[in-house]
Amino acid sequence: MVAYAGHLIYYRRIFMDVPADEYERIEREIASDESPVGIDAKKTHIIILHKLMEIEKRLAALEEKVT
């Protein structure tokens, strides 16, 4: 678990500019003591898919404005 957490911190610093408080909120939201990797994969995927759908809607609205 410690190695996994270290990897997440490295990934966050290199690839994502997420404020620490937001990162910690998301981390608490997806955490799972029952999972061998420490996160609830189903919940994590639902959050990701929901955010992607929001982005898709915003992109469609922007595309509509420019056409």
Protein backbone atom coordinates (compact mmCIF):
# COMPACT_ATOMS: atom_id res chain seq x y z
CA MET A 1 0.00 0.00 0.00
CA VAL A 2 2.85 2.41 0.80
CA ALA A 3 4.44 1.84 -2.62
CA TYR A 4 1.06 2.42 -4.27
CA ALA A 5 0.56 5.67 -2.35
CA GLY A 6 4.05 6.78 -3.31
CA HIS A 7 3.26 6.08 -6.95
CA LEU A 8 0.08 8.16 -6.73
CA ILE A 9 1.97 11.09 -5.22
CA TYR A 10 4.60 10.86 -7.98
CA TYR A 11 1.91 10.67 -10.68
CA ARG A 12 0.07 13.64 -9.20
CA ARG A 13 3.18 15.80 -9.11
CA ILE A 14 4.30 14.93 -12.64
CA PHE A 15 1.05 14.70 -14.60
CA MET A 16 -1.66 16.54 -12.68
CA ASP A 17 -1.85 19.95 -11.15
CA VAL A 18 -4.45 19.13 -8.51
CA PRO A 19 -4.54 21.28 -5.38
CA ALA A 20 -3.63 19.23 -2.31
CA ASP A 21 -7.01 19.69 -0.61
CA GLU A 22 -8.90 18.55 -3.74
CA TYR A 23 -6.52 15.60 -4.20
CA GLU A 24 -7.09 14.50 -0.61
CA ARG A 25 -10.88 14.86 -0.98
CA ILE A 26 -10.86 12.65 -4.06
CA GLU A 27 -8.52 10.18 -2.38
CA ARG A 28 -10.92 9.86 0.59
CA GLU A 29 -13.87 9.49 -1.79
CA ILE A 30 -12.41 6.52 -3.69
CA ALA A 31 -10.60 4.81 -0.80
CA SER A 32 -11.58 1.27 0.15
CA ASP A 33 -10.16 -0.83 2.99
CA GLU A 34 -11.69 -3.94 1.39
CA SER A 35 -9.73 -3.56 -1.85
CA PRO A 36 -6.21 -4.98 -2.18
CA VAL A 37 -5.13 -1.80 -4.01
CA GLY A 38 -6.81 0.55 -1.54
CA ILE A 39 -9.42 2.06 -3.87
CA ASP A 40 -12.94 1.20 -4.92
CA ALA A 41 -12.47 0.57 -8.65
CA LYS A 42 -16.17 0.70 -9.51
CA LYS A 43 -16.67 4.03 -7.74
CA THR A 44 -13.48 5.39 -9.31
CA HIS A 45 -14.62 4.46 -12.81
CA ILE A 46 -18.06 5.96 -12.22
CA ILE A 47 -16.47 9.25 -11.14
CA ILE A 48 -14.17 9.24 -14.19
CA LEU A 49 -16.99 8.43 -16.60
CA HIS A 50 -19.23 11.09 -15.06
CA LYS A 51 -16.50 13.71 -15.43
CA LEU A 52 -15.85 12.66 -19.03
CA MET A 53 -19.56 13.04 -19.82
CA GLU A 54 -19.51 16.53 -18.30
CA ILE A 55 -16.50 17.43 -20.44
CA GLU A 56 -18.20 16.03 -23.53
CA LYS A 57 -21.28 18.20 -22.90
CA ARG A 58 -19.15 21.31 -22.41
CA LEU A 59 -17.17 20.59 -25.57
CA ALA A 60 -20.37 20.12 -27.58
CA ALA A 61 -21.68 23.45 -26.29
CA LEU A 62 -18.42 25.19 -27.24
CA GLU A 63 -18.42 23.59 -30.69
CA GLU A 64 -21.99 24.76 -31.22
CA LYS A 65 -20.99 28.34 -30.37
CA VAL A 66 -18.17 28.43 -32.92
CA THR A 67 -20.13 26.90 -35.79
